[in-house]
């Protein structure tokens, strides 16, 4: 049970970080496009 919880925690952390990176990249990409549009 402890091992399962540890593995589940690891997978959730990887999943959340992957999603976080995706959102961060998307946000930066949109920010760059807005910058180019404004300038």
N, C-alpha and C. Protein backbone atom coordinates (compact mmCIF):
# COMPACT_ATOMS: atom_id res chain seq x y z
N UNK A 1 0.85 -1.20 0.00
CA UNK A 1 0.00 0.00 0.00
C UNK A 1 0.89 1.25 0.00
N UNK A 2 1.91 1.22 0.80
CA UNK A 2 2.80 2.37 0.86
C UNK A 2 3.49 2.58 -0.48
N UNK A 3 3.93 1.46 -1.08
CA UNK A 3 4.62 1.54 -2.38
C UNK A 3 3.66 2.09 -3.43
N UNK A 4 2.42 1.60 -3.43
CA UNK A 4 1.44 2.07 -4.40
C UNK A 4 1.22 3.57 -4.25
N UNK A 5 1.11 4.02 -3.01
CA UNK A 5 0.90 5.45 -2.76
C UNK A 5 2.08 6.25 -3.28
N UNK A 6 3.29 5.72 -3.06
CA UNK A 6 4.49 6.43 -3.51
C UNK A 6 4.51 6.51 -5.03
N UNK A 7 4.22 5.40 -5.69
CA UNK A 7 4.21 5.39 -7.16
C UNK A 7 3.14 6.33 -7.68
N UNK A 8 1.96 6.30 -7.06
CA UNK A 8 0.87 7.18 -7.49
C UNK A 8 1.27 8.63 -7.34
N UNK A 9 1.94 8.94 -6.22
CA UNK A 9 2.39 10.32 -5.98
C UNK A 9 3.37 10.73 -7.06
N UNK A 10 4.30 9.82 -7.40
CA UNK A 10 5.30 10.12 -8.43
C UNK A 10 4.62 10.41 -9.77
N UNK A 11 3.68 9.54 -10.15
CA UNK A 11 3.02 9.72 -11.44
C UNK A 11 2.21 11.02 -11.47
N UNK A 12 1.53 11.33 -10.37
CA UNK A 12 0.74 12.56 -10.34
C UNK A 12 1.65 13.77 -10.43
N UNK A 13 2.80 13.72 -9.76
CA UNK A 13 3.74 14.84 -9.82
C UNK A 13 4.24 15.02 -11.24
N UNK A 14 4.58 13.91 -11.90
CA UNK A 14 5.05 13.99 -13.28
C UNK A 14 3.95 14.56 -14.17
N UNK A 15 2.73 14.10 -13.95
CA UNK A 15 1.61 14.56 -14.76
C UNK A 15 1.37 16.05 -14.57
N UNK A 16 1.37 16.49 -13.30
CA UNK A 16 1.10 17.90 -13.02
C UNK A 16 2.21 18.78 -13.58
N UNK A 17 3.47 18.33 -13.45
CA UNK A 17 4.58 19.13 -13.97
C UNK A 17 4.50 19.21 -15.48
N UNK A 18 4.11 18.10 -16.12
CA UNK A 18 4.00 18.09 -17.58
C UNK A 18 2.92 19.07 -18.02
N UNK A 19 1.78 19.04 -17.33
CA UNK A 19 0.69 19.97 -17.66
C UNK A 19 1.13 21.40 -17.37
N UNK A 20 1.83 21.59 -16.26
CA UNK A 20 2.30 22.93 -15.90
C UNK A 20 3.25 23.47 -16.96
N UNK A 21 4.16 22.62 -17.44
CA UNK A 21 5.09 23.06 -18.47
C UNK A 21 4.34 23.41 -19.75
N UNK A 22 3.33 22.59 -20.09
CA UNK A 22 2.54 22.86 -21.29
C UNK A 22 1.87 24.23 -21.19
N UNK A 23 1.24 24.50 -20.05
CA UNK A 23 0.57 25.79 -19.87
C UNK A 23 1.57 26.93 -19.87
N UNK A 24 2.75 26.70 -19.26
CA UNK A 24 3.77 27.74 -19.21
C UNK A 24 4.24 28.07 -20.62
N UNK A 25 4.50 27.04 -21.42
CA UNK A 25 4.96 27.26 -22.80
C UNK A 25 3.88 27.98 -23.60
N UNK A 26 2.64 27.57 -23.42
CA UNK A 26 1.53 28.20 -24.15
C UNK A 26 1.41 29.67 -23.75
N UNK A 27 1.55 29.93 -22.44
CA UNK A 27 1.44 31.31 -21.94
C UNK A 27 2.56 32.17 -22.52
N UNK A 28 3.79 31.63 -22.52
CA UNK A 28 4.94 32.37 -23.06
C UNK A 28 4.74 32.63 -24.56
N UNK A 29 4.24 31.60 -25.27
CA UNK A 29 4.02 31.74 -26.71
C UNK A 29 2.99 32.84 -26.99
N UNK A 30 1.90 32.82 -26.24
CA UNK A 30 0.87 33.84 -26.42
C UNK A 30 1.43 35.21 -26.07
N UNK A 31 2.22 35.27 -25.00
CA UNK A 31 2.82 36.55 -24.59
C UNK A 31 3.72 37.11 -25.68
N UNK A 32 4.52 36.24 -26.31
CA UNK A 32 5.40 36.70 -27.38
C UNK A 32 4.58 37.22 -28.56
N UNK A 33 3.51 36.53 -28.91
CA UNK A 33 2.67 36.97 -30.03
C UNK A 33 2.04 38.32 -29.72
N UNK A 34 1.58 38.49 -28.47
CA UNK A 34 0.98 39.76 -28.08
C UNK A 34 2.02 40.86 -28.15
N UNK A 35 3.24 40.57 -27.69
CA UNK A 35 4.33 41.55 -27.73
C UNK A 35 4.57 41.99 -29.17
N UNK A 36 4.67 41.01 -30.07
CA UNK A 36 4.92 41.33 -31.48
C UNK A 36 3.78 42.15 -32.05
N UNK A 37 2.56 41.82 -31.65
CA UNK A 37 1.40 42.53 -32.17
C UNK A 37 1.39 43.97 -31.66
N UNK A 38 1.74 44.15 -30.37
CA UNK A 38 1.73 45.49 -29.79
C UNK A 38 2.86 46.32 -30.40
N UNK A 39 4.05 45.73 -30.51
CA UNK A 39 5.20 46.46 -31.05
C UNK A 39 5.14 46.41 -32.57
